[in-house]
């Protein structure tokens, strides 16, 4: 079974215009979020992203952004560990948690 976090909540973004196709993001991503397509990285499964930030920190071309350690996936995991409700800062009815 593939690892999944909450659907459509990750802060990961890829600017394909800045991507040079070096492949570092594929190497450092622990959950195979990226793949190469037409000599550039593309996000193959955004819902696998755990927002660790390894891709953005290692991208020499600033093609990737992610707010590491934030978001609902982190909130759910912290809530599970602390046995509390997730607190990700979502305050609207269309919230992610």
PDB file of N, CA and C in Angstrom:
ATOM      1  N   UNK A   1       0.835  -1.175   0.000  1.00  0.00           N
ATOM      2  CA  UNK A   1       0.000   0.000   0.000  1.00  0.00           C
ATOM      3  C   UNK A   1       0.889   1.250   0.000  1.00  0.00           C
ATOM      4  N   UNK A   2       0.576   2.210  -0.842  1.00  0.00           N
ATOM      5  CA  UNK A   2       1.357   3.437  -0.952  1.00  0.00           C
ATOM      6  C   UNK A   2       1.042   4.384   0.199  1.00  0.00           C
ATOM      7  N   UNK A   3       2.070   5.086   0.677  1.00  0.00           N
ATOM      8  CA  UNK A   3       1.911   6.065   1.744  1.00  0.00           C
ATOM      9  C   UNK A   3       1.114   7.247   1.230  1.00  0.00           C
ATOM     10  N   UNK A   4       0.096   7.664   1.958  1.00  0.00           N
ATOM     11  CA  UNK A   4      -0.706   8.827   1.602  1.00  0.00           C
ATOM     12  C   UNK A   4      -0.939   9.659   2.848  1.00  0.00           C
ATOM     13  N   UNK A   5      -0.988  10.956   2.670  1.00  0.00           N
ATOM     14  CA  UNK A   5      -1.358  11.864   3.743  1.00  0.00           C
ATOM     15  C   UNK A   5      -2.742  12.391   3.406  1.00  0.00           C
ATOM     16  N   UNK A   6      -3.096  13.543   3.835  1.00  0.00           N
ATOM     17  CA  UNK A   6      -4.410  14.087   3.512  1.00  0.00           C
ATOM     18  C   UNK A   6      -4.422  14.570   2.070  1.00  0.00           C
ATOM     19  N   UNK A   7      -5.526  14.355   1.389  1.00  0.00           N
ATOM     20  CA  UNK A   7      -5.628  14.663  -0.031  1.00  0.00           C
ATOM     21  C   UNK A   7      -5.719  16.174  -0.274  1.00  0.00           C
ATOM     22  N   UNK A   8      -4.926  16.637  -1.220  1.00  0.00           N
ATOM     23  CA  UNK A   8      -4.962  18.018  -1.711  1.00  0.00           C
ATOM     24  C   UNK A   8      -4.695  19.084  -0.659  1.00  0.00           C
ATOM     25  N   UNK A   9      -3.796  18.830   0.284  1.00  0.00           N
ATOM     26  CA  UNK A   9      -3.492  19.840   1.297  1.00  0.00           C
ATOM     27  C   UNK A   9      -2.022  20.237   1.346  1.00  0.00           C
ATOM     28  N   UNK A  10      -1.151  19.559   0.669  1.00  0.00           N
ATOM     29  CA  UNK A  10       0.272  19.864   0.753  1.00  0.00           C
ATOM     30  C   UNK A  10       0.587  21.230   0.148  1.00  0.00           C
ATOM     31  N   UNK A  11       1.601  21.876   0.677  1.00  0.00           N
ATOM     32  CA  UNK A  11       2.015  23.193   0.193  1.00  0.00           C
ATOM     33  C   UNK A  11       3.042  23.101  -0.934  1.00  0.00           C
ATOM     34  N   UNK A  12       3.381  21.915  -1.369  1.00  0.00           N
ATOM     35  CA  UNK A  12       4.389  21.698  -2.414  1.00  0.00           C
ATOM     36  C   UNK A  12       3.971  22.342  -3.731  1.00  0.00           C
ATOM     37  N   UNK A  13       4.920  23.096  -4.321  1.00  0.00           N
ATOM     38  CA  UNK A  13       4.708  23.683  -5.639  1.00  0.00           C
ATOM     39  C   UNK A  13       5.981  23.562  -6.457  1.00  0.00           C
ATOM     40  N   UNK A  14       5.816  23.350  -7.747  1.00  0.00           N
ATOM     41  CA  UNK A  14       6.935  23.216  -8.685  1.00  0.00           C
ATOM     42  C   UNK A  14       6.763  24.229  -9.798  1.00  0.00           C
ATOM     43  N   UNK A  15       7.773  25.053 -10.009  1.00  0.00           N
ATOM     44  CA  UNK A  15       7.793  26.015 -11.109  1.00  0.00           C
ATOM     45  C   UNK A  15       8.570  25.373 -12.252  1.00  0.00           C
ATOM     46  N   UNK A  16       7.855  24.832 -13.210  1.00  0.00           N
ATOM     47  CA  UNK A  16       8.506  24.081 -14.292  1.00  0.00           C
ATOM     48  C   UNK A  16       9.396  24.965 -15.156  1.00  0.00           C
ATOM     49  N   UNK A  17       9.156  26.271 -15.188  1.00  0.00           N
ATOM     50  CA  UNK A  17      10.018  27.175 -15.951  1.00  0.00           C
ATOM     51  C   UNK A  17      11.420  27.257 -15.345  1.00  0.00           C
ATOM     52  N   UNK A  18      11.523  27.086 -14.027  1.00  0.00           N
ATOM     53  CA  UNK A  18      12.826  27.142 -13.355  1.00  0.00           C
ATOM     54  C   UNK A  18      13.529  25.785 -13.308  1.00  0.00           C
ATOM     55  N   UNK A  19      12.792  24.712 -13.517  1.00  0.00           N
ATOM     56  CA  UNK A  19      13.364  23.372 -13.443  1.00  0.00           C
ATOM     57  C   UNK A  19      14.312  23.131 -14.619  1.00  0.00           C
ATOM     58  N   UNK A  20      15.508  22.624 -14.293  1.00  0.00           N
ATOM     59  CA  UNK A  20      16.501  22.315 -15.333  1.00  0.00           C
ATOM     60  C   UNK A  20      16.595  20.821 -15.625  1.00  0.00           C
ATOM     61  N   UNK A  21      15.863  20.019 -14.848  1.00  0.00           N
ATOM     62  CA  UNK A  21      15.911  18.578 -15.060  1.00  0.00           C
ATOM     63  C   UNK A  21      17.108  17.894 -14.434  1.00  0.00           C
ATOM     64  N   UNK A  22      17.701  18.506 -13.431  1.00  0.00           N
ATOM     65  CA  UNK A  22      18.902  17.922 -12.803  1.00  0.00           C
ATOM     66  C   UNK A  22      18.581  16.629 -12.042  1.00  0.00           C
ATOM     67  N   UNK A  23      17.348  16.475 -11.572  1.00  0.00           N
ATOM     68  CA  UNK A  23      16.933  15.240 -10.917  1.00  0.00           C
ATOM     69  C   UNK A  23      17.233  15.131  -9.437  1.00  0.00           C
ATOM     70  N   UNK A  24      17.756  16.189  -8.830  1.00  0.00           N
ATOM     71  CA  UNK A  24      18.071  16.136  -7.401  1.00  0.00           C
ATOM     72  C   UNK A  24      16.809  15.882  -6.574  1.00  0.00           C
ATOM     73  N   UNK A  25      15.701  16.480  -6.953  1.00  0.00           N
ATOM     74  CA  UNK A  25      14.460  16.282  -6.190  1.00  0.00           C
ATOM     75  C   UNK A  25      14.036  14.816  -6.183  1.00  0.00           C
ATOM     76  N   UNK A  26      14.248  14.117  -7.283  1.00  0.00           N
ATOM     77  CA  UNK A  26      13.928  12.691  -7.333  1.00  0.00           C
ATOM     78  C   UNK A  26      14.811  11.897  -6.378  1.00  0.00           C
ATOM     79  N   UNK A  27      16.042  12.327  -6.253  1.00  0.00           N
ATOM     80  CA  UNK A  27      16.993  11.628  -5.397  1.00  0.00           C
ATOM     81  C   UNK A  27      16.691  11.836  -3.918  1.00  0.00           C
ATOM     82  N   UNK A  28      16.354  13.059  -3.526  1.00  0.00           N
ATOM     83  CA  UNK A  28      16.199  13.366  -2.103  1.00  0.00           C
ATOM     84  C   UNK A  28      14.794  13.128  -1.568  1.00  0.00           C
ATOM     85  N   UNK A  29      13.808  13.015  -2.408  1.00  0.00           N
ATOM     86  CA  UNK A  29      12.430  12.823  -1.949  1.00  0.00           C
ATOM     87  C   UNK A  29      12.250  11.403  -1.402  1.00  0.00           C
ATOM     88  N   UNK A  30      11.839  11.287  -0.126  1.00  0.00           N
ATOM     89  CA  UNK A  30      11.694   9.957   0.460  1.00  0.00           C
ATOM     90  C   UNK A  30      10.454   9.182   0.008  1.00  0.00           C
ATOM     91  N   UNK A  31       9.510   9.851  -0.658  1.00  0.00           N
ATOM     92  CA  UNK A  31       8.268   9.183  -1.042  1.00  0.00           C
ATOM     93  C   UNK A  31       7.977   9.184  -2.528  1.00  0.00           C
ATOM     94  N   UNK A  32       8.993   9.423  -3.348  1.00  0.00           N
ATOM     95  CA  UNK A  32       8.853   9.357  -4.809  1.00  0.00           C
ATOM     96  C   UNK A  32       7.711  10.221  -5.324  1.00  0.00           C
ATOM     97  N   UNK A  33       7.682  11.468  -4.861  1.00  0.00           N
ATOM     98  CA  UNK A  33       6.652  12.415  -5.285  1.00  0.00           C
ATOM     99  C   UNK A  33       6.890  12.862  -6.730  1.00  0.00           C
ATOM    100  N   UNK A  34       8.152  12.859  -7.167  1.00  0.00           N
ATOM    101  CA  UNK A  34       8.516  13.389  -8.483  1.00  0.00           C
ATOM    102  C   UNK A  34       8.879  12.291  -9.465  1.00  0.00           C
ATOM    103  N   UNK A  35       8.769  12.636 -10.746  1.00  0.00           N
ATOM    104  CA  UNK A  35       9.281  11.786 -11.824  1.00  0.00           C
ATOM    105  C   UNK A  35       9.800  12.713 -12.910  1.00  0.00           C
ATOM    106  N   UNK A  36      10.599  12.179 -13.805  1.00  0.00           N
ATOM    107  CA  UNK A  36      11.111  12.954 -14.940  1.00  0.00           C
ATOM    108  C   UNK A  36      10.178  12.765 -16.126  1.00  0.00           C
ATOM    109  N   UNK A  37       9.902  13.885 -16.774  1.00  0.00           N
ATOM    110  CA  UNK A  37       9.055  13.842 -17.960  1.00  0.00           C
ATOM    111  C   UNK A  37       9.534  14.945 -18.905  1.00  0.00           C
ATOM    112  N   UNK A  38       9.849  14.600 -20.104  1.00  0.00           N
ATOM    113  CA  UNK A  38      10.356  15.554 -21.090  1.00  0.00           C
ATOM    114  C   UNK A  38      11.556  16.326 -20.541  1.00  0.00           C
ATOM    115  N   UNK A  39      12.462  15.618 -19.874  1.00  0.00           N
ATOM    116  CA  UNK A  39      13.712  16.153 -19.333  1.00  0.00           C
ATOM    117  C   UNK A  39      13.512  17.206 -18.237  1.00  0.00           C
ATOM    118  N   UNK A  40      12.372  17.159 -17.556  1.00  0.00           N
ATOM    119  CA  UNK A  40      12.110  18.033 -16.413  1.00  0.00           C
ATOM    120  C   UNK A  40      11.402  17.225 -15.339  1.00  0.00           C
ATOM    121  N   UNK A  41      11.555  17.678 -14.100  1.00  0.00           N
ATOM    122  CA  UNK A  41      10.840  17.037 -13.004  1.00  0.00           C
ATOM    123  C   UNK A  41       9.374  17.470 -13.048  1.00  0.00           C
ATOM    124  N   UNK A  42       8.507  16.532 -12.726  1.00  0.00           N
ATOM    125  CA  UNK A  42       7.081  16.822 -12.566  1.00  0.00           C
ATOM    126  C   UNK A  42       6.614  16.138 -11.290  1.00  0.00           C
ATOM    127  N   UNK A  43       5.571  16.675 -10.727  1.00  0.00           N
ATOM    128  CA  UNK A  43       4.984  16.068  -9.536  1.00  0.00           C
ATOM    129  C   UNK A  43       4.077  14.947 -10.004  1.00  0.00           C
ATOM    130  N   UNK A  44       4.421  13.711  -9.631  1.00  0.00           N
ATOM    131  CA  UNK A  44       3.612  12.579 -10.061  1.00  0.00           C
ATOM    132  C   UNK A  44       2.516  12.243  -9.054  1.00  0.00           C
ATOM    133  N   UNK A  45       2.731  12.538  -7.785  1.00  0.00           N
ATOM    134  CA  UNK A  45       1.707  12.270  -6.774  1.00  0.00           C
ATOM    135  C   UNK A  45       1.896  13.219  -5.594  1.00  0.00           C
ATOM    136  N   UNK A  46       1.256  14.376  -5.671  1.00  0.00           N
ATOM    137  CA  UNK A  46       1.383  15.412  -4.653  1.00  0.00           C
ATOM    138  C   UNK A  46       0.910  14.927  -3.282  1.00  0.00           C
ATOM    139  N   UNK A  47      -0.019  14.003  -3.245  1.00  0.00           N
ATOM    140  CA  UNK A  47      -0.566  13.515  -1.983  1.00  0.00           C
ATOM    141  C   UNK A  47       0.394  12.614  -1.208  1.00  0.00           C
ATOM    142  N   UNK A  48       1.509  12.233  -1.830  1.00  0.00           N
ATOM    143  CA  UNK A  48       2.536  11.477  -1.119  1.00  0.00           C
ATOM    144  C   UNK A  48       3.478  12.393  -0.345  1.00  0.00           C
ATOM    145  N   UNK A  49       3.429  13.686  -0.625  1.00  0.00           N
ATOM    146  CA  UNK A  49       4.350  14.642  -0.014  1.00  0.00           C
ATOM    147  C   UNK A  49       4.076  14.775   1.478  1.00  0.00           C
ATOM    148  N   UNK A  50       5.146  14.644   2.284  1.00  0.00           N
ATOM    149  CA  UNK A  50       5.018  14.798   3.732  1.00  0.00           C
ATOM    150  C   UNK A  50       5.564  16.146   4.196  1.00  0.00           C
ATOM    151  N   UNK A  51       5.837  17.020   3.231  1.00  0.00           N
ATOM    152  CA  UNK A  51       6.304  18.379   3.497  1.00  0.00           C
ATOM    153  C   UNK A  51       7.593  18.415   4.325  1.00  0.00           C
ATOM    154  N   UNK A  52       8.507  17.509   4.035  1.00  0.00           N
ATOM    155  CA  UNK A  52       9.784  17.497   4.765  1.00  0.00           C
ATOM    156  C   UNK A  52      10.700  18.625   4.324  1.00  0.00           C
ATOM    157  N   UNK A  53      10.553  19.086   3.086  1.00  0.00           N
ATOM    158  CA  UNK A  53      11.337  20.197   2.577  1.00  0.00           C
ATOM    159  C   UNK A  53      12.642  19.812   1.905  1.00  0.00           C
ATOM    160  N   UNK A  54      12.954  18.531   1.835  1.00  0.00           N
ATOM    161  CA  UNK A  54      14.221  18.098   1.242  1.00  0.00           C
ATOM    162  C   UNK A  54      14.355  18.539  -0.212  1.00  0.00           C
ATOM    163  N   UNK A  55      13.290  18.475  -0.962  1.00  0.00           N
ATOM    164  CA  UNK A  55      13.350  18.850  -2.374  1.00  0.00           C
ATOM    165  C   UNK A  55      13.666  20.332  -2.533  1.00  0.00           C
ATOM    166  N   UNK A  56      12.951  21.178  -1.822  1.00  0.00           N
ATOM    167  CA  UNK A  56      13.153  22.627  -1.945  1.00  0.00           C
ATOM    168  C   UNK A  56      14.525  23.050  -1.436  1.00  0.00           C
ATOM    169  N   UNK A  57      14.971  22.449  -0.348  1.00  0.00           N
ATOM    170  CA  UNK A  57      16.276  22.803   0.221  1.00  0.00           C
ATOM    171  C   UNK A  57      17.419  22.406  -0.701  1.00  0.00           C
ATOM    172  N   UNK A  58      17.223  21.389  -1.505  1.00  0.00           N
ATOM    173  CA  UNK A  58      18.284  20.889  -2.369  1.00  0.00           C
ATOM    174  C   UNK A  58      18.167  21.340  -3.820  1.00  0.00           C
ATOM    175  N   UNK A  59      17.132  22.095  -4.148  1.00  0.00           N
ATOM    176  CA  UNK A  59      16.966  22.581  -5.519  1.00  0.00           C
ATOM    177  C   UNK A  59      17.784  23.857  -5.698  1.00  0.00           C
ATOM    178  N   UNK A  60      18.836  23.767  -6.488  1.00  0.00           N
ATOM    179  CA  UNK A  60      19.731  24.906  -6.721  1.00  0.00           C
ATOM    180  C   UNK A  60      19.102  25.973  -7.609  1.00  0.00           C
ATOM    181  N   UNK A  61      17.941  25.676  -8.179  1.00  0.00           N
ATOM    182  CA  UNK A  61      17.316  26.588  -9.134  1.00  0.00           C
ATOM    183  C   UNK A  61      16.016  27.200  -8.605  1.00  0.00           C
ATOM    184  N   UNK A  62      15.721  26.968  -7.332  1.00  0.00           N
ATOM    185  CA  UNK A  62      14.501  27.510  -6.692  1.00  0.00           C
ATOM    186  C   UNK A  62      13.224  27.153  -7.452  1.00  0.00           C
ATOM    187  N   UNK A  63      13.204  25.978  -8.041  1.00  0.00           N
ATOM    188  CA  UNK A  63      12.020  25.544  -8.776  1.00  0.00           C
ATOM    189  C   UNK A  63      10.956  24.960  -7.850  1.00  0.00           C
ATOM    190  N   UNK A  64      11.348  24.625  -6.629  1.00  0.00           N
ATOM    191  CA  UNK A  64      10.421  23.986  -5.698  1.00  0.00           C
ATOM    192  C   UNK A  64      10.233  24.833  -4.453  1.00  0.00           C
ATOM    193  N   UNK A  65       8.994  24.856  -3.986  1.00  0.00           N
ATOM    194  CA  UNK A  65       8.692  25.491  -2.710  1.00  0.00           C
ATOM    195  C   UNK A  65       7.784  24.561  -1.922  1.00  0.00           C
ATOM    196  N   UNK A  66       8.001  24.542  -0.628  1.00  0.00           N
ATOM    197  CA  UNK A  66       7.147  23.785   0.277  1.00  0.00           C
ATOM    198  C   UNK A  66       7.358  24.357   1.671  1.00  0.00           C
ATOM    199  N   UNK A  67       6.294  24.498   2.402  1.00  0.00           N
ATOM    200  CA  UNK A  67       6.405  24.992   3.769  1.00  0.00           C
ATOM    201  C   UNK A  67       6.610  23.773   4.667  1.00  0.00           C
ATOM    202  N   UNK A  68       7.863  23.442   4.875  1.00  0.00           N
ATOM    203  CA  UNK A  68       8.215  22.240   5.628  1.00  0.00           C
ATOM    204  C   UNK A  68       7.723  22.319   7.062  1.00  0.00           C
ATOM    205  N   UNK A  69       7.146  21.213   7.527  1.00  0.00           N
ATOM    206  CA  UNK A  69       6.704  21.120   8.910  1.00  0.00           C
ATOM    207  C   UNK A  69       5.410  21.832   9.202  1.00  0.00           C
ATOM    208  N   UNK A  70       4.663  22.196   8.191  1.00  0.00           N
ATOM    209  CA  UNK A  70       3.366  22.852   8.385  1.00  0.00           C
ATOM    210  C   UNK A  70       2.301  22.054   7.656  1.00  0.00           C
ATOM    211  N   UNK A  71       1.106  22.515   7.731  1.00  0.00           N
ATOM    212  CA  UNK A  71       0.039  21.885   6.982  1.00  0.00           C
ATOM    213  C   UNK A  71      -0.666  20.809   7.768  1.00  0.00           C
ATOM    214  N   UNK A  72      -1.708  20.307   7.163  1.00  0.00           N
ATOM    215  CA  UNK A  72      -2.571  19.352   7.840  1.00  0.00           C
ATOM    216  C   UNK A  72      -1.911  18.010   8.082  1.00  0.00           C
ATOM    217  N   UNK A  73      -1.025  17.586   7.186  1.00  0.00           N
ATOM    218  CA  UNK A  73      -0.371  16.295   7.404  1.00  0.00           C
ATOM    219  C   UNK A  73       0.419  16.325   8.702  1.00  0.00           C
ATOM    220  N   UNK A  74       1.170  17.386   8.910  1.00  0.00           N
ATOM    221  CA  UNK A  74       1.926  17.523  10.152  1.00  0.00           C
ATOM    222  C   UNK A  74       0.984  17.628  11.340  1.00  0.00           C
ATOM    223  N   UNK A  75      -0.079  18.405  11.197  1.00  0.00           N
ATOM    224  CA  UNK A  75      -1.030  18.584  12.290  1.00  0.00           C
ATOM    225  C   UNK A  75      -1.663  17.261  12.705  1.00  0.00           C
ATOM    226  N   UNK A  76      -2.006  16.441  11.742  1.00  0.00           N
ATOM    227  CA  UNK A  76      -2.600  15.143  12.053  1.00  0.00           C
ATOM    228  C   UNK A  76      -1.593  14.252  12.773  1.00  0.00           C
ATOM    229  N   UNK A  77      -0.361  14.229  12.286  1.00  0.00           N
ATOM    230  CA  UNK A  77       0.657  13.393  12.923  1.00  0.00           C
ATOM    231  C   UNK A  77       0.952  13.854  14.354  1.00  0.00           C
ATOM    232  N   UNK A  78       1.071  15.156  14.558  1.00  0.00           N
ATOM    233  CA  UNK A  78       1.307  15.674  15.904  1.00  0.00           C
ATOM    234  C   UNK A  78       0.120  15.356  16.804  1.00  0.00           C
ATOM    235  N   UNK A  79      -1.082  15.497  16.283  1.00  0.00           N
ATOM    236  CA  UNK A  79      -2.278  15.167  17.043  1.00  0.00           C
ATOM    237  C   UNK A  79      -2.312  13.704  17.459  1.00  0.00           C
ATOM    238  N   UNK A  80      -1.891  12.830  16.570  1.00  0.00           N
ATOM    239  CA  UNK A  80      -1.856  11.408  16.901  1.00  0.00           C
ATOM    240  C   UNK A  80      -0.856  11.118  18.016  1.00  0.00           C
ATOM    241  N   UNK A  81       0.311  11.747  17.915  1.00  0.00           N
ATOM    242  CA  UNK A  81       1.350  11.534  18.919  1.00  0.00           C
ATOM    243  C   UNK A  81       0.924  12.095  20.276  1.00  0.00           C
ATOM    244  N   UNK A  82       0.356  13.303  20.257  1.00  0.00           N
ATOM    245  CA  UNK A  82      -0.037  13.965  21.506  1.00  0.00           C
ATOM    246  C   UNK A  82      -1.435  13.579  21.976  1.00  0.00           C
ATOM    247  N   UNK A  83      -2.140  12.805  21.156  1.00  0.00           N
ATOM    248  CA  UNK A  83      -3.523  12.399  21.449  1.00  0.00           C
ATOM    249  C   UNK A  83      -4.443  13.612  21.602  1.00  0.00           C
ATOM    250  N   UNK A  84      -4.290  14.545  20.650  1.00  0.00           N
ATOM    251  CA  UNK A  84      -5.122  15.741  20.607  1.00  0.00           C
ATOM    252  C   UNK A  84      -5.725  15.870  19.218  1.00  0.00           C
ATOM    253  N   UNK A  85      -6.622  16.812  19.063  1.00  0.00           N
ATOM    254  CA  UNK A  85      -7.190  17.092  17.748  1.00  0.00           C
ATOM    255  C   UNK A  85      -6.138  17.823  16.905  1.00  0.00           C
ATOM    256  N   UNK A  86      -6.141  17.624  15.577  1.00  0.00           N
ATOM    257  CA  UNK A  86      -5.206  18.330  14.714  1.00  0.00           C
ATOM    258  C   UNK A  86      -5.394  19.833  14.810  1.00  0.00           C
ATOM    259  N   UNK A  87      -4.313  20.577  14.871  1.00  0.00           N
ATOM    260  CA  UNK A  87      -4.341  22.035  14.921  1.00  0.00           C
ATOM    261  C   UNK A  87      -3.452  22.579  13.814  1.00  0.00           C
ATOM    262  N   UNK A  88      -4.014  22.743  12.612  1.00  0.00           N
ATOM    263  CA  UNK A  88      -3.195  23.201  11.491  1.00  0.00           C
ATOM    264  C   UNK A  88      -3.474  24.643  11.135  1.00  0.00           C
ATOM    265  N   UNK A  89      -4.336  25.320  11.889  1.00  0.00           N
ATOM    266  CA  UNK A  89      -4.608  26.711  11.602  1.00  0.00           C
ATOM    267  C   UNK A  89      -5.738  26.939  10.609  1.00  0.00           C
ATOM    268  N   UNK A  90      -6.383  25.893  10.157  1.00  0.00           N
ATOM    269  CA  UNK A  90      -7.511  26.047   9.244  1.00  0.00           C
ATOM    270  C   UNK A  90      -8.705  26.557  10.047  1.00  0.00           C
ATOM    271  N   UNK A  91      -9.291  27.644   9.588  1.00  0.00           N
ATOM    272  CA  UNK A  91     -10.364  28.265  10.354  1.00  0.00           C
ATOM    273  C   UNK A  91     -11.662  28.394   9.567  1.00  0.00           C
ATOM    274  N   UNK A  92     -11.753  27.882   8.369  1.00  0.00           N
ATOM    275  CA  UNK A  92     -12.949  28.042   7.570  1.00  0.00           C
ATOM    276  C   UNK A  92     -13.674  26.719   7.430  1.00  0.00           C
ATOM    277  N   UNK A  93     -14.908  26.791   6.904  1.00  0.00           N
ATOM    278  CA  UNK A  93     -15.679  25.567   6.699  1.00  0.00           C
ATOM    279  C   UNK A  93     -15.064  24.677   5.636  1.00  0.00           C
ATOM    280  N   UNK A  94     -14.283  25.257   4.745  1.00  0.00           N
ATOM    281  CA  UNK A  94     -13.616  24.450   3.712  1.00  0.00           C
ATOM    282  C   UNK A  94     -12.218  24.063   4.179  1.00  0.00           C
ATOM    283  N   UNK A  95     -12.049  23.973   5.473  1.00  0.00           N
ATOM    284  CA  UNK A  95     -10.731  23.683   6.041  1.00  0.00           C
ATOM    285  C   UNK A  95     -10.249  22.298   5.645  1.00  0.00           C
ATOM    286  N   UNK A  96      -8.964  22.109   5.782  1.00  0.00           N
ATOM    287  CA  UNK A  96      -8.363  20.849   5.370  1.00  0.00           C
ATOM    288  C   UNK A  96      -8.437  19.782   6.457  1.00  0.00           C
ATOM    289  N   UNK A  97      -8.688  20.152   7.673  1.00  0.00           N
ATOM    290  CA  UNK A  97      -8.748  19.162   8.750  1.00  0.00           C
ATOM    291  C   UNK A  97     -10.188  18.861   9.106  1.00  0.00           C
TER     292      UNK A  97
END
